[in-house]
């Protein structure tokens, strides 16, 4: 998966969401070591700083753990995976809400413009 410039989410959010989905689905298993930042940056087509930001989010959500000198690993808490799945669903729903609000704002802007143009 590469980051999409057409996606309204920030690049780090797209990366975090992708990794979250892989953890929730079991593609990335508990205890599995993640690739290094440089390798993930290359795979996602982003800067290493973007990967670090995405991993910070997942660390705060307790989906991953980092060990000095060893690397970053998928957390072993299965409850976290359920939380990740719920979070992924919420992200999708929030994306739909955002798109609907943008459409409403666009329509409102057009209506306001039409009112201003009336004599």
PDB file of N, CA and C in Angstrom:
ATOM      1  N   UNK A   1       0.845  -1.181   0.000  1.00  0.00           N
ATOM      2  CA  UNK A   1       0.000   0.000   0.000  1.00  0.00           C
ATOM      3  C   UNK A   1       0.884   1.236   0.000  1.00  0.00           C
ATOM      4  N   UNK A   2       0.580   2.160  -0.868  1.00  0.00           N
ATOM      5  CA  UNK A   2       1.269   3.441  -0.841  1.00  0.00           C
ATOM      6  C   UNK A   2       0.264   4.502  -0.401  1.00  0.00           C
ATOM      7  N   UNK A   3       0.770   5.560   0.128  1.00  0.00           N
ATOM      8  CA  UNK A   3      -0.069   6.647   0.601  1.00  0.00           C
ATOM      9  C   UNK A   3      -0.690   7.348  -0.606  1.00  0.00           C
ATOM     10  N   UNK A   4      -1.982   7.643  -0.502  1.00  0.00           N
ATOM     11  CA  UNK A   4      -2.696   8.287  -1.602  1.00  0.00           C
ATOM     12  C   UNK A   4      -2.800   9.790  -1.377  1.00  0.00           C
ATOM     13  N   UNK A   5      -2.377  10.577  -2.370  1.00  0.00           N
ATOM     14  CA  UNK A   5      -2.510  12.033  -2.226  1.00  0.00           C
ATOM     15  C   UNK A   5      -3.974  12.477  -2.304  1.00  0.00           C
ATOM     16  N   UNK A   6      -4.851  11.606  -2.825  1.00  0.00           N
ATOM     17  CA  UNK A   6      -6.273  11.936  -2.939  1.00  0.00           C
ATOM     18  C   UNK A   6      -7.033  11.677  -1.640  1.00  0.00           C
ATOM     19  N   UNK A   7      -6.411  10.956  -0.725  1.00  0.00           N
ATOM     20  CA  UNK A   7      -7.037  10.639   0.557  1.00  0.00           C
ATOM     21  C   UNK A   7      -7.021  11.894   1.428  1.00  0.00           C
ATOM     22  N   UNK A   8      -8.152  12.261   2.034  1.00  0.00           N
ATOM     23  CA  UNK A   8      -8.182  13.475   2.857  1.00  0.00           C
ATOM     24  C   UNK A   8      -7.382  13.351   4.161  1.00  0.00           C
ATOM     25  N   UNK A   9      -7.037  12.120   4.556  1.00  0.00           N
ATOM     26  CA  UNK A   9      -6.267  11.937   5.782  1.00  0.00           C
ATOM     27  C   UNK A   9      -4.803  12.269   5.544  1.00  0.00           C
ATOM     28  N   UNK A  10      -4.106  12.661   6.610  1.00  0.00           N
ATOM     29  CA  UNK A  10      -2.670  12.883   6.531  1.00  0.00           C
ATOM     30  C   UNK A  10      -1.973  11.569   6.214  1.00  0.00           C
ATOM     31  N   UNK A  11      -0.764  11.665   5.659  1.00  0.00           N
ATOM     32  CA  UNK A  11      -0.009  10.462   5.291  1.00  0.00           C
ATOM     33  C   UNK A  11       0.223   9.570   6.503  1.00  0.00           C
ATOM     34  N   UNK A  12       0.578  10.160   7.644  1.00  0.00           N
ATOM     35  CA  UNK A  12       0.841   9.337   8.830  1.00  0.00           C
ATOM     36  C   UNK A  12      -0.424   8.627   9.300  1.00  0.00           C
ATOM     37  N   UNK A  13      -1.589   9.264   9.110  1.00  0.00           N
ATOM     38  CA  UNK A  13      -2.853   8.620   9.483  1.00  0.00           C
ATOM     39  C   UNK A  13      -3.144   7.438   8.560  1.00  0.00           C
ATOM     40  N   UNK A  14      -2.848   7.595   7.267  1.00  0.00           N
ATOM     41  CA  UNK A  14      -3.050   6.493   6.330  1.00  0.00           C
ATOM     42  C   UNK A  14      -2.167   5.303   6.689  1.00  0.00           C
ATOM     43  N   UNK A  15      -0.916   5.574   7.019  1.00  0.00           N
ATOM     44  CA  UNK A  15       0.012   4.510   7.397  1.00  0.00           C
ATOM     45  C   UNK A  15      -0.465   3.844   8.683  1.00  0.00           C
ATOM     46  N   UNK A  16      -0.826   4.648   9.689  1.00  0.00           N
ATOM     47  CA  UNK A  16      -1.295   4.088  10.961  1.00  0.00           C
ATOM     48  C   UNK A  16      -2.543   3.245  10.746  1.00  0.00           C
ATOM     49  N   UNK A  17      -3.469   3.722   9.921  1.00  0.00           N
ATOM     50  CA  UNK A  17      -4.694   2.967   9.643  1.00  0.00           C
ATOM     51  C   UNK A  17      -4.391   1.640   8.950  1.00  0.00           C
ATOM     52  N   UNK A  18      -3.446   1.659   8.009  1.00  0.00           N
ATOM     53  CA  UNK A  18      -3.091   0.434   7.304  1.00  0.00           C
ATOM     54  C   UNK A  18      -2.473  -0.579   8.265  1.00  0.00           C
ATOM     55  N   UNK A  19      -1.558  -0.116   9.094  1.00  0.00           N
ATOM     56  CA  UNK A  19      -0.935  -1.022  10.064  1.00  0.00           C
ATOM     57  C   UNK A  19      -1.961  -1.518  11.085  1.00  0.00           C
ATOM     58  N   UNK A  20      -2.864  -0.637  11.505  1.00  0.00           N
ATOM     59  CA  UNK A  20      -3.921  -1.007  12.449  1.00  0.00           C
ATOM     60  C   UNK A  20      -4.795  -2.115  11.856  1.00  0.00           C
ATOM     61  N   UNK A  21      -5.157  -1.970  10.582  1.00  0.00           N
ATOM     62  CA  UNK A  21      -5.965  -3.001   9.909  1.00  0.00           C
ATOM     63  C   UNK A  21      -5.206  -4.320   9.831  1.00  0.00           C
ATOM     64  N   UNK A  22      -3.916  -4.262   9.538  1.00  0.00           N
ATOM     65  CA  UNK A  22      -3.120  -5.481   9.444  1.00  0.00           C
ATOM     66  C   UNK A  22      -3.009  -6.172  10.802  1.00  0.00           C
ATOM     67  N   UNK A  23      -2.942  -5.398  11.868  1.00  0.00           N
ATOM     68  CA  UNK A  23      -2.898  -5.976  13.210  1.00  0.00           C
ATOM     69  C   UNK A  23      -4.253  -6.599  13.550  1.00  0.00           C
ATOM     70  N   UNK A  24      -5.337  -5.863  13.269  1.00  0.00           N
ATOM     71  CA  UNK A  24      -6.681  -6.354  13.584  1.00  0.00           C
ATOM     72  C   UNK A  24      -7.020  -7.615  12.803  1.00  0.00           C
ATOM     73  N   UNK A  25      -6.568  -7.691  11.552  1.00  0.00           N
ATOM     74  CA  UNK A  25      -6.893  -8.853  10.711  1.00  0.00           C
ATOM     75  C   UNK A  25      -5.991 -10.049  10.993  1.00  0.00           C
ATOM     76  N   UNK A  26      -4.894  -9.819  11.721  1.00  0.00           N
ATOM     77  CA  UNK A  26      -3.969 -10.911  12.002  1.00  0.00           C
ATOM     78  C   UNK A  26      -2.868 -11.044  10.975  1.00  0.00           C
ATOM     79  N   UNK A  27      -2.856 -10.170   9.967  1.00  0.00           N
ATOM     80  CA  UNK A  27      -1.766 -10.174   8.989  1.00  0.00           C
ATOM     81  C   UNK A  27      -0.450  -9.908   9.709  1.00  0.00           C
ATOM     82  N   UNK A  28      -0.495  -8.969  10.644  1.00  0.00           N
ATOM     83  CA  UNK A  28       0.638  -8.745  11.561  1.00  0.00           C
ATOM     84  C   UNK A  28       0.229  -9.374  12.885  1.00  0.00           C
ATOM     85  N   UNK A  29       0.944 -10.369  13.307  1.00  0.00           N
ATOM     86  CA  UNK A  29       0.579 -11.147  14.487  1.00  0.00           C
ATOM     87  C   UNK A  29       1.250 -10.632  15.753  1.00  0.00           C
ATOM     88  N   UNK A  30       0.624 -10.928  16.887  1.00  0.00           N
ATOM     89  CA  UNK A  30       1.165 -10.542  18.186  1.00  0.00           C
ATOM     90  C   UNK A  30       2.600 -11.029  18.315  1.00  0.00           C
ATOM     91  N   UNK A  31       3.467 -10.138  18.738  1.00  0.00           N
ATOM     92  CA  UNK A  31       4.873 -10.475  18.918  1.00  0.00           C
ATOM     93  C   UNK A  31       5.717 -10.339  17.665  1.00  0.00           C
ATOM     94  N   UNK A  32       5.082 -10.143  16.524  1.00  0.00           N
ATOM     95  CA  UNK A  32       5.831 -10.028  15.266  1.00  0.00           C
ATOM     96  C   UNK A  32       6.598  -8.715  15.220  1.00  0.00           C
ATOM     97  N   UNK A  33       7.832  -8.791  14.760  1.00  0.00           N
ATOM     98  CA  UNK A  33       8.679  -7.595  14.629  1.00  0.00           C
ATOM     99  C   UNK A  33       8.306  -6.859  13.353  1.00  0.00           C
ATOM    100  N   UNK A  34       8.129  -5.554  13.456  1.00  0.00           N
ATOM    101  CA  UNK A  34       7.839  -4.734  12.282  1.00  0.00           C
ATOM    102  C   UNK A  34       9.138  -4.423  11.550  1.00  0.00           C
ATOM    103  N   UNK A  35       9.013  -4.158  10.269  1.00  0.00           N
ATOM    104  CA  UNK A  35      10.175  -3.720   9.488  1.00  0.00           C
ATOM    105  C   UNK A  35      10.693  -2.404  10.063  1.00  0.00           C
ATOM    106  N   UNK A  36      11.931  -2.079   9.755  1.00  0.00           N
ATOM    107  CA  UNK A  36      12.511  -0.820  10.185  1.00  0.00           C
ATOM    108  C   UNK A  36      11.829   0.363   9.519  1.00  0.00           C
ATOM    109  N   UNK A  37      12.026   1.536  10.105  1.00  0.00           N
ATOM    110  CA  UNK A  37      11.391   2.756   9.585  1.00  0.00           C
ATOM    111  C   UNK A  37      11.759   3.034   8.131  1.00  0.00           C
ATOM    112  N   UNK A  38      13.026   2.858   7.777  1.00  0.00           N
ATOM    113  CA  UNK A  38      13.459   3.154   6.409  1.00  0.00           C
ATOM    114  C   UNK A  38      12.780   2.230   5.409  1.00  0.00           C
ATOM    115  N   UNK A  39      12.678   0.961   5.754  1.00  0.00           N
ATOM    116  CA  UNK A  39      12.040  -0.002   4.854  1.00  0.00           C
ATOM    117  C   UNK A  39      10.538   0.295   4.714  1.00  0.00           C
ATOM    118  N   UNK A  40       9.888   0.626   5.840  1.00  0.00           N
ATOM    119  CA  UNK A  40       8.461   0.961   5.771  1.00  0.00           C
ATOM    120  C   UNK A  40       8.247   2.257   4.999  1.00  0.00           C
ATOM    121  N   UNK A  41       9.141   3.227   5.190  1.00  0.00           N
ATOM    122  CA  UNK A  41       9.026   4.498   4.465  1.00  0.00           C
ATOM    123  C   UNK A  41       9.097   4.251   2.965  1.00  0.00           C
ATOM    124  N   UNK A  42       9.997   3.380   2.564  1.00  0.00           N
ATOM    125  CA  UNK A  42      10.125   3.056   1.142  1.00  0.00           C
ATOM    126  C   UNK A  42       8.864   2.358   0.635  1.00  0.00           C
ATOM    127  N   UNK A  43       8.346   1.408   1.414  1.00  0.00           N
ATOM    128  CA  UNK A  43       7.154   0.655   1.007  1.00  0.00           C
ATOM    129  C   UNK A  43       5.933   1.563   0.866  1.00  0.00           C
ATOM    130  N   UNK A  44       5.772   2.500   1.817  1.00  0.00           N
ATOM    131  CA  UNK A  44       4.600   3.384   1.790  1.00  0.00           C
ATOM    132  C   UNK A  44       4.821   4.622   0.918  1.00  0.00           C
ATOM    133  N   UNK A  45       6.056   4.859   0.520  1.00  0.00           N
ATOM    134  CA  UNK A  45       6.351   6.023  -0.315  1.00  0.00           C
ATOM    135  C   UNK A  45       6.293   7.325   0.449  1.00  0.00           C
ATOM    136  N   UNK A  46       6.762   7.287   1.706  1.00  0.00           N
ATOM    137  CA  UNK A  46       6.737   8.476   2.558  1.00  0.00           C
ATOM    138  C   UNK A  46       8.099   8.655   3.213  1.00  0.00           C
ATOM    139  N   UNK A  47       8.249   9.750   3.942  1.00  0.00           N
ATOM    140  CA  UNK A  47       9.482  10.009   4.684  1.00  0.00           C
ATOM    141  C   UNK A  47       9.503   9.176   5.967  1.00  0.00           C
ATOM    142  N   UNK A  48      10.703   8.923   6.463  1.00  0.00           N
ATOM    143  CA  UNK A  48      10.851   8.153   7.706  1.00  0.00           C
ATOM    144  C   UNK A  48      10.139   8.849   8.871  1.00  0.00           C
ATOM    145  N   UNK A  49      10.109  10.173   8.875  1.00  0.00           N
ATOM    146  CA  UNK A  49       9.426  10.924   9.935  1.00  0.00           C
ATOM    147  C   UNK A  49       7.925  10.599   9.940  1.00  0.00           C
ATOM    148  N   UNK A  50       7.350  10.392   8.771  1.00  0.00           N
ATOM    149  CA  UNK A  50       5.936  10.032   8.663  1.00  0.00           C
ATOM    150  C   UNK A  50       5.702   8.682   9.321  1.00  0.00           C
ATOM    151  N   UNK A  51       6.616   7.740   9.094  1.00  0.00           N
ATOM    152  CA  UNK A  51       6.504   6.413   9.706  1.00  0.00           C
ATOM    153  C   UNK A  51       6.607   6.540  11.221  1.00  0.00           C
ATOM    154  N   UNK A  52       7.560   7.341  11.698  1.00  0.00           N
ATOM    155  CA  UNK A  52       7.717   7.526  13.144  1.00  0.00           C
ATOM    156  C   UNK A  52       6.439   8.085  13.765  1.00  0.00           C
ATOM    157  N   UNK A  53       5.819   9.034  13.077  1.00  0.00           N
ATOM    158  CA  UNK A  53       4.574   9.635  13.588  1.00  0.00           C
ATOM    159  C   UNK A  53       3.467   8.576  13.645  1.00  0.00           C
ATOM    160  N   UNK A  54       3.343   7.773  12.595  1.00  0.00           N
ATOM    161  CA  UNK A  54       2.327   6.709  12.562  1.00  0.00           C
ATOM    162  C   UNK A  54       2.568   5.708  13.690  1.00  0.00           C
ATOM    163  N   UNK A  55       3.833   5.328  13.896  1.00  0.00           N
ATOM    164  CA  UNK A  55       4.160   4.364  14.950  1.00  0.00           C
ATOM    165  C   UNK A  55       3.904   4.960  16.334  1.00  0.00           C
ATOM    166  N   UNK A  56       4.118   6.251  16.495  1.00  0.00           N
ATOM    167  CA  UNK A  56       3.815   6.905  17.769  1.00  0.00           C
ATOM    168  C   UNK A  56       2.332   6.761  18.109  1.00  0.00           C
ATOM    169  N   UNK A  57       1.503   6.925  17.108  1.00  0.00           N
ATOM    170  CA  UNK A  57       0.055   6.786  17.305  1.00  0.00           C
ATOM    171  C   UNK A  57      -0.274   5.365  17.764  1.00  0.00           C
ATOM    172  N   UNK A  58       0.273   4.378  17.061  1.00  0.00           N
ATOM    173  CA  UNK A  58      -0.010   2.985  17.397  1.00  0.00           C
ATOM    174  C   UNK A  58       0.573   2.609  18.761  1.00  0.00           C
ATOM    175  N   UNK A  59       1.684   3.225  19.118  1.00  0.00           N
ATOM    176  CA  UNK A  59       2.281   2.985  20.437  1.00  0.00           C
ATOM    177  C   UNK A  59       1.349   3.522  21.526  1.00  0.00           C
ATOM    178  N   UNK A  60       0.789   4.714  21.312  1.00  0.00           N
ATOM    179  CA  UNK A  60      -0.143   5.302  22.280  1.00  0.00           C
ATOM    180  C   UNK A  60      -1.410   4.460  22.403  1.00  0.00           C
ATOM    181  N   UNK A  61      -1.800   3.821  21.305  1.00  0.00           N
ATOM    182  CA  UNK A  61      -2.977   2.943  21.319  1.00  0.00           C
ATOM    183  C   UNK A  61      -2.637   1.560  21.880  1.00  0.00           C
ATOM    184  N   UNK A  62      -1.363   1.364  22.202  1.00  0.00           N
ATOM    185  CA  UNK A  62      -0.855   0.107  22.758  1.00  0.00           C
ATOM    186  C   UNK A  62      -1.006  -1.072  21.812  1.00  0.00           C
ATOM    187  N   UNK A  63      -0.955  -0.769  20.515  1.00  0.00           N
ATOM    188  CA  UNK A  63      -0.997  -1.826  19.504  1.00  0.00           C
ATOM    189  C   UNK A  63       0.397  -2.343  19.192  1.00  0.00           C
ATOM    190  N   UNK A  64       1.399  -1.517  19.446  1.00  0.00           N
ATOM    191  CA  UNK A  64       2.789  -1.911  19.225  1.00  0.00           C
ATOM    192  C   UNK A  64       3.620  -1.509  20.438  1.00  0.00           C
ATOM    193  N   UNK A  65       4.754  -2.174  20.565  1.00  0.00           N
ATOM    194  CA  UNK A  65       5.708  -1.824  21.624  1.00  0.00           C
ATOM    195  C   UNK A  65       7.085  -1.756  21.001  1.00  0.00           C
ATOM    196  N   UNK A  66       7.903  -0.854  21.507  1.00  0.00           N
ATOM    197  CA  UNK A  66       9.269  -0.721  21.015  1.00  0.00           C
ATOM    198  C   UNK A  66      10.225  -1.133  22.125  1.00  0.00           C
ATOM    199  N   UNK A  67      11.275  -1.812  21.729  1.00  0.00           N
ATOM    200  CA  UNK A  67      12.299  -2.237  22.677  1.00  0.00           C
ATOM    201  C   UNK A  67      13.636  -1.701  22.184  1.00  0.00           C
ATOM    202  N   UNK A  68      14.296  -0.932  23.024  1.00  0.00           N
ATOM    203  CA  UNK A  68      15.569  -0.319  22.673  1.00  0.00           C
ATOM    204  C   UNK A  68      16.548  -1.376  22.149  1.00  0.00           C
ATOM    205  N   UNK A  69      17.068  -1.145  20.966  1.00  0.00           N
ATOM    206  CA  UNK A  69      18.061  -2.030  20.383  1.00  0.00           C
ATOM    207  C   UNK A  69      17.502  -3.292  19.746  1.00  0.00           C
ATOM    208  N   UNK A  70      16.212  -3.540  19.903  1.00  0.00           N
ATOM    209  CA  UNK A  70      15.611  -4.752  19.336  1.00  0.00           C
ATOM    210  C   UNK A  70      14.640  -4.447  18.205  1.00  0.00           C
ATOM    211  N   UNK A  71      13.880  -3.377  18.338  1.00  0.00           N
ATOM    212  CA  UNK A  71      12.935  -3.025  17.290  1.00  0.00           C
ATOM    213  C   UNK A  71      11.539  -2.773  17.827  1.00  0.00           C
ATOM    214  N   UNK A  72      10.592  -2.772  16.909  1.00  0.00           N
ATOM    215  CA  UNK A  72       9.191  -2.518  17.239  1.00  0.00           C
ATOM    216  C   UNK A  72       8.399  -3.777  16.935  1.00  0.00           C
ATOM    217  N   UNK A  73       7.505  -4.129  17.859  1.00  0.00           N
ATOM    218  CA  UNK A  73       6.767  -5.380  17.764  1.00  0.00           C
ATOM    219  C   UNK A  73       5.275  -5.136  17.943  1.00  0.00           C
ATOM    220  N   UNK A  74       4.471  -6.020  17.350  1.00  0.00           N
ATOM    221  CA  UNK A  74       3.028  -5.982  17.565  1.00  0.00           C
ATOM    222  C   UNK A  74       2.781  -6.406  19.009  1.00  0.00           C
ATOM    223  N   UNK A  75       1.937  -5.651  19.716  1.00  0.00           N
ATOM    224  CA  UNK A  75       1.627  -5.961  21.116  1.00  0.00           C
ATOM    225  C   UNK A  75       0.912  -7.298  21.206  1.00  0.00           C
ATOM    226  N   UNK A  76       1.046  -7.947  22.340  1.00  0.00           N
ATOM    227  CA  UNK A  76       0.451  -9.276  22.493  1.00  0.00           C
ATOM    228  C   UNK A  76      -0.934  -9.248  23.118  1.00  0.00           C
ATOM    229  N   UNK A  77      -1.444  -8.068  23.440  1.00  0.00           N
ATOM    230  CA  UNK A  77      -2.756  -7.943  24.071  1.00  0.00           C
ATOM    231  C   UNK A  77      -3.864  -8.062  23.028  1.00  0.00           C
ATOM    232  N   UNK A  78      -4.638  -9.168  23.024  1.00  0.00           N
ATOM    233  CA  UNK A  78      -5.699  -9.337  22.019  1.00  0.00           C
ATOM    234  C   UNK A  78      -6.800  -8.295  22.133  1.00  0.00           C
ATOM    235  N   UNK A  79      -6.999  -7.754  23.344  1.00  0.00           N
ATOM    236  CA  UNK A  79      -8.003  -6.719  23.523  1.00  0.00           C
ATOM    237  C   UNK A  79      -7.670  -5.491  22.685  1.00  0.00           C
ATOM    238  N   UNK A  80      -6.379  -5.217  22.543  1.00  0.00           N
ATOM    239  CA  UNK A  80      -5.940  -4.084  21.733  1.00  0.00           C
ATOM    240  C   UNK A  80      -6.325  -4.283  20.276  1.00  0.00           C
ATOM    241  N   UNK A  81      -6.262  -5.521  19.793  1.00  0.00           N
ATOM    242  CA  UNK A  81      -6.627  -5.791  18.402  1.00  0.00           C
ATOM    243  C   UNK A  81      -8.106  -5.499  18.176  1.00  0.00           C
ATOM    244  N   UNK A  82      -8.963  -5.859  19.169  1.00  0.00           N
ATOM    245  CA  UNK A  82     -10.387  -5.548  19.055  1.00  0.00           C
ATOM    246  C   UNK A  82     -10.590  -4.041  19.031  1.00  0.00           C
ATOM    247  N   UNK A  83      -9.845  -3.343  19.874  1.00  0.00           N
ATOM    248  CA  UNK A  83      -9.930  -1.886  19.910  1.00  0.00           C
ATOM    249  C   UNK A  83      -9.477  -1.301  18.580  1.00  0.00           C
ATOM    250  N   UNK A  84      -8.459  -1.902  17.982  1.00  0.00           N
ATOM    251  CA  UNK A  84      -7.962  -1.425  16.693  1.00  0.00           C
ATOM    252  C   UNK A  84      -9.027  -1.586  15.617  1.00  0.00           C
ATOM    253  N   UNK A  85      -9.731  -2.706  15.653  1.00  0.00           N
ATOM    254  CA  UNK A  85     -10.781  -2.930  14.657  1.00  0.00           C
ATOM    255  C   UNK A  85     -11.893  -1.899  14.825  1.00  0.00           C
ATOM    256  N   UNK A  86     -12.290  -1.650  16.065  1.00  0.00           N
ATOM    257  CA  UNK A  86     -13.316  -0.630  16.323  1.00  0.00           C
ATOM    258  C   UNK A  86     -12.825   0.745  15.881  1.00  0.00           C
ATOM    259  N   UNK A  87     -11.559   1.040  16.152  1.00  0.00           N
ATOM    260  CA  UNK A  87     -10.994   2.329  15.751  1.00  0.00           C
ATOM    261  C   UNK A  87     -10.994   2.467  14.238  1.00  0.00           C
ATOM    262  N   UNK A  88     -10.666   1.381  13.535  1.00  0.00           N
ATOM    263  CA  UNK A  88     -10.666   1.405  12.075  1.00  0.00           C
ATOM    264  C   UNK A  88     -12.067   1.677  11.542  1.00  0.00           C
ATOM    265  N   UNK A  89     -13.064   1.040  12.145  1.00  0.00           N
ATOM    266  CA  UNK A  89     -14.448   1.276  11.729  1.00  0.00           C
ATOM    267  C   UNK A  89     -14.838   2.732  11.981  1.00  0.00           C
ATOM    268  N   UNK A  90     -14.436   3.262  13.133  1.00  0.00           N
ATOM    269  CA  UNK A  90     -14.755   4.654  13.451  1.00  0.00           C
ATOM    270  C   UNK A  90     -14.076   5.609  12.487  1.00  0.00           C
ATOM    271  N   UNK A  91     -12.841   5.305  12.097  1.00  0.00           N
ATOM    272  CA  UNK A  91     -12.125   6.156  11.141  1.00  0.00           C
ATOM    273  C   UNK A  91     -12.895   6.196   9.824  1.00  0.00           C
ATOM    274  N   UNK A  92     -13.365   5.043   9.392  1.00  0.00           N
ATOM    275  CA  UNK A  92     -14.154   4.990   8.157  1.00  0.00           C
ATOM    276  C   UNK A  92     -15.429   5.801   8.257  1.00  0.00           C
ATOM    277  N   UNK A  93     -16.125   5.654   9.372  1.00  0.00           N
ATOM    278  CA  UNK A  93     -17.358   6.405   9.580  1.00  0.00           C
ATOM    279  C   UNK A  93     -17.080   7.905   9.651  1.00  0.00           C
ATOM    280  N   UNK A  94     -16.005   8.286  10.325  1.00  0.00           N
ATOM    281  CA  UNK A  94     -15.650   9.703  10.400  1.00  0.00           C
ATOM    282  C   UNK A  94     -15.295  10.260   9.022  1.00  0.00           C
ATOM    283  N   UNK A  95     -14.655   9.449   8.202  1.00  0.00           N
ATOM    284  CA  UNK A  95     -14.346   9.864   6.835  1.00  0.00           C
ATOM    285  C   UNK A  95     -15.615  10.141   6.043  1.00  0.00           C
ATOM    286  N   UNK A  96     -16.623   9.272   6.228  1.00  0.00           N
ATOM    287  CA  UNK A  96     -17.903   9.468   5.547  1.00  0.00           C
ATOM    288  C   UNK A  96     -18.590  10.738   6.044  1.00  0.00           C
ATOM    289  N   UNK A  97     -18.538  10.966   7.341  1.00  0.00           N
ATOM    290  CA  UNK A  97     -19.138  12.172   7.909  1.00  0.00           C
ATOM    291  C   UNK A  97     -18.434  13.416   7.376  1.00  0.00           C
ATOM    292  N   UNK A  98     -17.111  13.361   7.304  1.00  0.00           N
ATOM    293  CA  UNK A  98     -16.345  14.499   6.792  1.00  0.00           C
ATOM    294  C   UNK A  98     -16.723  14.800   5.343  1.00  0.00           C
ATOM    295  N   UNK A  99     -16.845  13.748   4.532  1.00  0.00           N
ATOM    296  CA  UNK A  99     -17.221  13.937   3.126  1.00  0.00           C
ATOM    297  C   UNK A  99     -18.614  14.561   3.021  1.00  0.00           C
ATOM    298  N   UNK A 100     -19.540  14.110   3.867  1.00  0.00           N
ATOM    299  CA  UNK A 100     -20.894  14.661   3.854  1.00  0.00           C
ATOM    300  C   UNK A 100     -20.880  16.128   4.268  1.00  0.00           C
ATOM    301  N   UNK A 101     -20.089  16.464   5.277  1.00  0.00           N
ATOM    302  CA  UNK A 101     -19.994  17.860   5.713  1.00  0.00           C
ATOM    303  C   UNK A 101     -19.389  18.749   4.631  1.00  0.00           C
ATOM    304  N   UNK A 102     -18.388  18.224   3.931  1.00  0.00           N
ATOM    305  CA  UNK A 102     -17.793  19.001   2.843  1.00  0.00           C
ATOM    306  C   UNK A 102     -18.816  19.272   1.747  1.00  0.00           C
ATOM    307  N   UNK A 103     -19.659  18.286   1.458  1.00  0.00           N
ATOM    308  CA  UNK A 103     -20.707  18.465   0.454  1.00  0.00           C
ATOM    309  C   UNK A 103     -21.718  19.508   0.931  1.00  0.00           C
ATOM    310  N   UNK A 104     -22.118  19.429   2.185  1.00  0.00           N
ATOM    311  CA  UNK A 104     -23.061  20.396   2.748  1.00  0.00           C
ATOM    312  C   UNK A 104     -22.465  21.799   2.708  1.00  0.00           C
ATOM    313  N   UNK A 105     -21.199  21.933   3.088  1.00  0.00           N
ATOM    314  CA  UNK A 105     -20.544  23.249   3.055  1.00  0.00           C
ATOM    315  C   UNK A 105     -20.468  23.797   1.643  1.00  0.00           C
ATOM    316  N   UNK A 106     -20.202  22.940   0.691  1.00  0.00           N
ATOM    317  CA  UNK A 106     -20.136  23.368  -0.699  1.00  0.00           C
ATOM    318  C   UNK A 106     -21.503  23.883  -1.159  1.00  0.00           C
ATOM    319  N   UNK A 107     -22.546  23.162  -0.817  1.00  0.00           N
ATOM    320  CA  UNK A 107     -23.903  23.583  -1.189  1.00  0.00           C
ATOM    321  C   UNK A 107     -24.267  24.895  -0.499  1.00  0.00           C
ATOM    322  N   UNK A 108     -23.893  25.017   0.761  1.00  0.00           N
ATOM    323  CA  UNK A 108     -24.168  26.237   1.511  1.00  0.00           C
ATOM    324  C   UNK A 108     -23.446  27.424   0.888  1.00  0.00           C
ATOM    325  N   UNK A 109     -22.205  27.230   0.492  1.00  0.00           N
ATOM    326  CA  UNK A 109     -21.446  28.303  -0.167  1.00  0.00           C
ATOM    327  C   UNK A 109     -22.144  28.752  -1.446  1.00  0.00           C
ATOM    328  N   UNK A 110     -22.624  27.786  -2.231  1.00  0.00           N
ATOM    329  CA  UNK A 110     -23.330  28.144  -3.480  1.00  0.00           C
ATOM    330  C   UNK A 110     -24.610  28.910  -3.194  1.00  0.00           C
ATOM    331  N   UNK A 111     -25.353  28.477  -2.175  1.00  0.00           N
ATOM    332  CA  UNK A 111     -26.595  29.168  -1.824  1.00  0.00           C
ATOM    333  C   UNK A 111     -26.313  30.599  -1.357  1.00  0.00           C
ATOM    334  N   UNK A 112     -25.285  30.762  -0.532  1.00  0.00           N
ATOM    335  CA  UNK A 112     -24.927  32.104  -0.057  1.00  0.00           C
ATOM    336  C   UNK A 112     -24.518  32.999  -1.227  1.00  0.00           C
ATOM    337  N   UNK A 113     -23.823  32.423  -2.178  1.00  0.00           N
ATOM    338  CA  UNK A 113     -23.410  33.191  -3.354  1.00  0.00           C
ATOM    339  C   UNK A 113     -24.623  33.618  -4.181  1.00  0.00           C
ATOM    340  N   UNK A 114     -25.582  32.717  -4.324  1.00  0.00           N
ATOM    341  CA  UNK A 114     -26.786  33.055  -5.065  1.00  0.00           C
ATOM    342  C   UNK A 114     -27.591  34.157  -4.376  1.00  0.00           C
ATOM    343  N   UNK A 115     -27.643  34.103  -3.053  1.00  0.00           N
ATOM    344  CA  UNK A 115     -28.364  35.140  -2.311  1.00  0.00           C
ATOM    345  C   UNK A 115     -27.696  36.479  -2.470  1.00  0.00           C
ATOM    346  N   UNK A 116     -26.373  36.510  -2.427  1.00  0.00           N
ATOM    347  CA  UNK A 116     -25.634  37.766  -2.610  1.00  0.00           C
ATOM    348  C   UNK A 116     -25.815  38.350  -4.006  1.00  0.00           C
ATOM    349  N   UNK A 117     -25.997  37.502  -4.991  1.00  0.00           N
ATOM    350  CA  UNK A 117     -26.125  37.976  -6.374  1.00  0.00           C
ATOM    351  C   UNK A 117     -27.505  38.526  -6.702  1.00  0.00           C
ATOM    352  N   UNK A 118     -28.489  38.233  -5.866  1.00  0.00           N
ATOM    353  CA  UNK A 118     -29.848  38.725  -6.115  1.00  0.00           C
ATOM    354  C   UNK A 118     -29.913  40.226  -5.893  1.00  0.00           C
ATOM    355  N   UNK A 119     -30.658  40.918  -6.781  1.00  0.00           N
ATOM    356  CA  UNK A 119     -30.788  42.390  -6.615  1.00  0.00           C
ATOM    357  C   UNK A 119     -31.657  42.798  -5.457  1.00  0.00           C
TER     358      UNK A 119
END
